[in-house]
């Protein structure tokens, strides 16, 4: 089973820290969320960890159009 960060592509800062990206100062607070491929995450991967959801997220997407051969009633 993939880690939470692999499944979501999101990681969280494990603690507050300051760094630079391309010479620009960046301040990060504990719990700030980043995409796993963000330059700061790639530069300092040990300062980030997987996102853990306390409650599962249920996602459903309504189908906007009928599938081929499917009839939609009104």
N, C-alpha and C. Protein backbone atom coordinates (compact mmCIF):
# COMPACT_ATOMS: atom_id res chain seq x y z
N UNK A 1 0.85 -1.19 0.00
CA UNK A 1 0.00 0.00 0.00
C UNK A 1 0.89 1.24 0.00
N UNK A 2 0.58 2.25 -0.83
CA UNK A 2 1.43 3.44 -0.88
C UNK A 2 1.30 4.26 0.39
N UNK A 3 2.38 4.99 0.69
CA UNK A 3 2.34 5.91 1.82
C UNK A 3 1.35 7.02 1.52
N UNK A 4 0.88 7.70 2.58
CA UNK A 4 -0.10 8.78 2.39
C UNK A 4 0.43 9.84 1.43
N UNK A 5 1.72 10.19 1.56
CA UNK A 5 2.28 11.23 0.70
C UNK A 5 2.32 10.77 -0.75
N UNK A 6 2.55 9.46 -0.99
CA UNK A 6 2.57 8.95 -2.35
C UNK A 6 1.16 8.93 -2.94
N UNK A 7 0.19 8.62 -2.09
CA UNK A 7 -1.19 8.51 -2.56
C UNK A 7 -1.77 9.89 -2.88
N UNK A 8 -1.43 10.89 -2.07
CA UNK A 8 -2.02 12.21 -2.26
C UNK A 8 -1.11 13.17 -3.02
N UNK A 9 0.19 12.90 -3.00
CA UNK A 9 1.12 13.84 -3.61
C UNK A 9 1.33 15.06 -2.75
N UNK A 10 0.88 15.00 -1.49
CA UNK A 10 0.99 16.13 -0.57
C UNK A 10 1.79 15.69 0.66
N UNK A 11 2.68 16.57 1.13
CA UNK A 11 3.43 16.32 2.36
C UNK A 11 3.26 17.51 3.29
N UNK A 12 3.53 17.28 4.58
CA UNK A 12 3.40 18.34 5.58
C UNK A 12 4.75 18.60 6.23
N UNK A 13 5.00 19.86 6.56
CA UNK A 13 6.23 20.22 7.27
C UNK A 13 6.16 19.64 8.68
N UNK A 14 7.23 18.97 9.10
CA UNK A 14 7.26 18.34 10.41
C UNK A 14 7.54 19.34 11.52
N UNK A 15 8.15 20.47 11.18
CA UNK A 15 8.46 21.50 12.16
C UNK A 15 8.62 22.82 11.42
N UNK A 16 8.68 23.92 12.15
CA UNK A 16 8.89 25.23 11.53
C UNK A 16 10.37 25.36 11.16
N UNK A 17 10.63 26.00 10.03
CA UNK A 17 12.01 26.25 9.61
C UNK A 17 12.04 27.37 8.58
N UNK A 18 13.24 27.86 8.31
CA UNK A 18 13.44 28.88 7.28
C UNK A 18 14.49 28.36 6.32
N UNK A 19 14.35 28.72 5.06
CA UNK A 19 15.29 28.29 4.02
C UNK A 19 15.22 29.29 2.89
N UNK A 20 15.86 28.96 1.79
CA UNK A 20 15.78 29.79 0.59
C UNK A 20 15.50 28.90 -0.62
N UNK A 21 14.80 29.47 -1.58
CA UNK A 21 14.58 28.82 -2.87
C UNK A 21 15.00 29.83 -3.92
N UNK A 22 16.02 29.49 -4.68
CA UNK A 22 16.57 30.39 -5.70
C UNK A 22 16.89 31.76 -5.12
N UNK A 23 17.45 31.78 -3.90
CA UNK A 23 17.85 33.03 -3.26
C UNK A 23 16.73 33.79 -2.58
N UNK A 24 15.51 33.27 -2.63
CA UNK A 24 14.36 33.93 -2.01
C UNK A 24 14.10 33.28 -0.64
N UNK A 25 14.09 34.08 0.44
CA UNK A 25 13.84 33.51 1.76
C UNK A 25 12.41 32.94 1.86
N UNK A 26 12.30 31.79 2.51
CA UNK A 26 11.01 31.13 2.69
C UNK A 26 10.90 30.71 4.15
N UNK A 27 9.77 31.04 4.78
CA UNK A 27 9.50 30.62 6.15
C UNK A 27 8.37 29.61 6.11
N UNK A 28 8.58 28.48 6.78
CA UNK A 28 7.59 27.40 6.78
C UNK A 28 7.16 27.14 8.22
N UNK A 29 5.87 27.01 8.43
CA UNK A 29 5.33 26.68 9.75
C UNK A 29 5.03 25.18 9.83
N UNK A 30 5.08 24.65 11.03
CA UNK A 30 4.76 23.24 11.22
C UNK A 30 3.35 22.97 10.68
N UNK A 31 3.21 21.91 9.88
CA UNK A 31 1.92 21.54 9.33
C UNK A 31 1.61 22.15 7.97
N UNK A 32 2.44 23.09 7.50
CA UNK A 32 2.22 23.64 6.16
C UNK A 32 2.27 22.51 5.14
N UNK A 33 1.39 22.58 4.17
CA UNK A 33 1.29 21.54 3.15
C UNK A 33 1.99 21.95 1.87
N UNK A 34 2.67 20.99 1.25
CA UNK A 34 3.38 21.21 0.00
C UNK A 34 3.13 20.04 -0.92
N UNK A 35 3.20 20.29 -2.22
CA UNK A 35 3.16 19.19 -3.18
C UNK A 35 4.49 18.46 -3.05
N UNK A 36 4.45 17.14 -3.20
CA UNK A 36 5.64 16.31 -2.99
C UNK A 36 6.77 16.65 -3.95
N UNK A 37 6.47 17.26 -5.10
CA UNK A 37 7.53 17.60 -6.05
C UNK A 37 7.96 19.06 -5.96
N UNK A 38 7.55 19.77 -4.90
CA UNK A 38 7.94 21.17 -4.71
C UNK A 38 9.46 21.25 -4.51
N UNK A 39 10.12 22.28 -5.04
CA UNK A 39 11.58 22.40 -4.90
C UNK A 39 12.07 22.36 -3.45
N UNK A 40 11.33 22.93 -2.53
CA UNK A 40 11.73 22.94 -1.12
C UNK A 40 11.69 21.53 -0.54
N UNK A 41 10.71 20.75 -0.93
CA UNK A 41 10.60 19.36 -0.47
C UNK A 41 11.74 18.54 -1.05
N UNK A 42 12.07 18.78 -2.29
CA UNK A 42 13.18 18.05 -2.91
C UNK A 42 14.51 18.44 -2.26
N UNK A 43 14.64 19.71 -1.87
CA UNK A 43 15.88 20.21 -1.26
C UNK A 43 16.05 19.69 0.17
N UNK A 44 14.95 19.61 0.93
CA UNK A 44 15.00 19.24 2.35
C UNK A 44 13.96 18.17 2.68
N UNK A 45 14.02 17.00 2.05
CA UNK A 45 12.97 15.99 2.24
C UNK A 45 12.82 15.51 3.68
N UNK A 46 13.88 15.56 4.46
CA UNK A 46 13.83 15.09 5.85
C UNK A 46 13.00 16.01 6.75
N UNK A 47 12.62 17.18 6.27
CA UNK A 47 11.79 18.11 7.06
C UNK A 47 10.30 17.95 6.78
N UNK A 48 9.95 16.96 5.95
CA UNK A 48 8.56 16.75 5.56
C UNK A 48 8.15 15.31 5.81
N UNK A 49 6.85 15.12 6.04
CA UNK A 49 6.33 13.78 6.26
C UNK A 49 4.98 13.62 5.59
N UNK A 50 4.48 12.40 5.62
CA UNK A 50 3.19 12.13 4.96
C UNK A 50 2.04 12.86 5.65
N UNK A 51 1.03 13.16 4.88
CA UNK A 51 -0.19 13.77 5.41
C UNK A 51 -1.07 12.65 5.95
N UNK A 52 -1.50 12.80 7.16
CA UNK A 52 -2.37 11.80 7.77
C UNK A 52 -3.75 12.42 7.99
N UNK A 53 -4.75 11.82 7.38
CA UNK A 53 -6.11 12.31 7.52
C UNK A 53 -6.76 11.62 8.71
N UNK A 54 -7.35 12.41 9.59
CA UNK A 54 -7.99 11.85 10.77
C UNK A 54 -9.23 11.05 10.40
N UNK A 55 -9.97 11.55 9.44
CA UNK A 55 -11.17 10.88 8.96
C UNK A 55 -11.03 10.67 7.46
N UNK A 56 -11.48 9.53 6.95
CA UNK A 56 -11.37 9.30 5.51
C UNK A 56 -12.18 10.32 4.72
N UNK A 57 -11.67 10.64 3.55
CA UNK A 57 -12.35 11.57 2.66
C UNK A 57 -13.08 10.75 1.61
N UNK A 58 -14.38 10.97 1.51
CA UNK A 58 -15.17 10.26 0.50
C UNK A 58 -15.40 11.22 -0.65
N UNK A 59 -14.94 10.81 -1.81
CA UNK A 59 -15.10 11.66 -2.99
C UNK A 59 -16.00 10.95 -3.97
N UNK A 60 -16.97 11.67 -4.46
CA UNK A 60 -17.83 11.11 -5.49
C UNK A 60 -18.00 12.17 -6.58
N UNK A 61 -18.01 11.71 -7.78
CA UNK A 61 -18.17 12.61 -8.92
C UNK A 61 -19.41 12.17 -9.68
N UNK A 62 -20.31 13.12 -9.85
CA UNK A 62 -21.54 12.81 -10.58
C UNK A 62 -21.24 12.78 -12.07
N UNK A 63 -21.75 11.79 -12.72
CA UNK A 63 -21.57 11.68 -14.17
C UNK A 63 -22.48 12.69 -14.84
N UNK A 64 -21.90 13.55 -15.67
CA UNK A 64 -22.64 14.66 -16.28
C UNK A 64 -23.48 14.22 -17.49
N UNK A 65 -23.01 13.22 -18.19
CA UNK A 65 -23.73 12.78 -19.39
C UNK A 65 -23.97 11.29 -19.35
N UNK A 66 -24.90 10.84 -20.14
CA UNK A 66 -25.20 9.42 -20.21
C UNK A 66 -24.09 8.68 -20.94
N UNK A 67 -23.79 7.49 -20.48
CA UNK A 67 -22.82 6.65 -21.16
C UNK A 67 -23.44 6.15 -22.47
N UNK A 68 -22.64 5.68 -23.42
CA UNK A 68 -23.18 5.19 -24.68
C UNK A 68 -24.23 4.10 -24.42
N UNK A 69 -25.41 4.25 -24.98
CA UNK A 69 -26.49 3.29 -24.81
C UNK A 69 -27.29 3.45 -23.53
N UNK A 70 -26.85 4.33 -22.64
CA UNK A 70 -27.57 4.55 -21.39
C UNK A 70 -28.65 5.61 -21.58
N UNK A 71 -29.81 5.35 -21.03
CA UNK A 71 -30.91 6.32 -21.12
C UNK A 71 -31.01 7.05 -19.80
N UNK A 72 -31.21 8.34 -19.92
CA UNK A 72 -31.38 9.19 -18.74
C UNK A 72 -32.85 9.58 -18.65
N UNK A 73 -33.43 9.38 -17.49
CA UNK A 73 -34.83 9.75 -17.29
C UNK A 73 -34.96 11.14 -16.71
N UNK A 74 -36.07 11.76 -16.98
CA UNK A 74 -36.30 13.09 -16.43
C UNK A 74 -37.47 13.05 -15.49
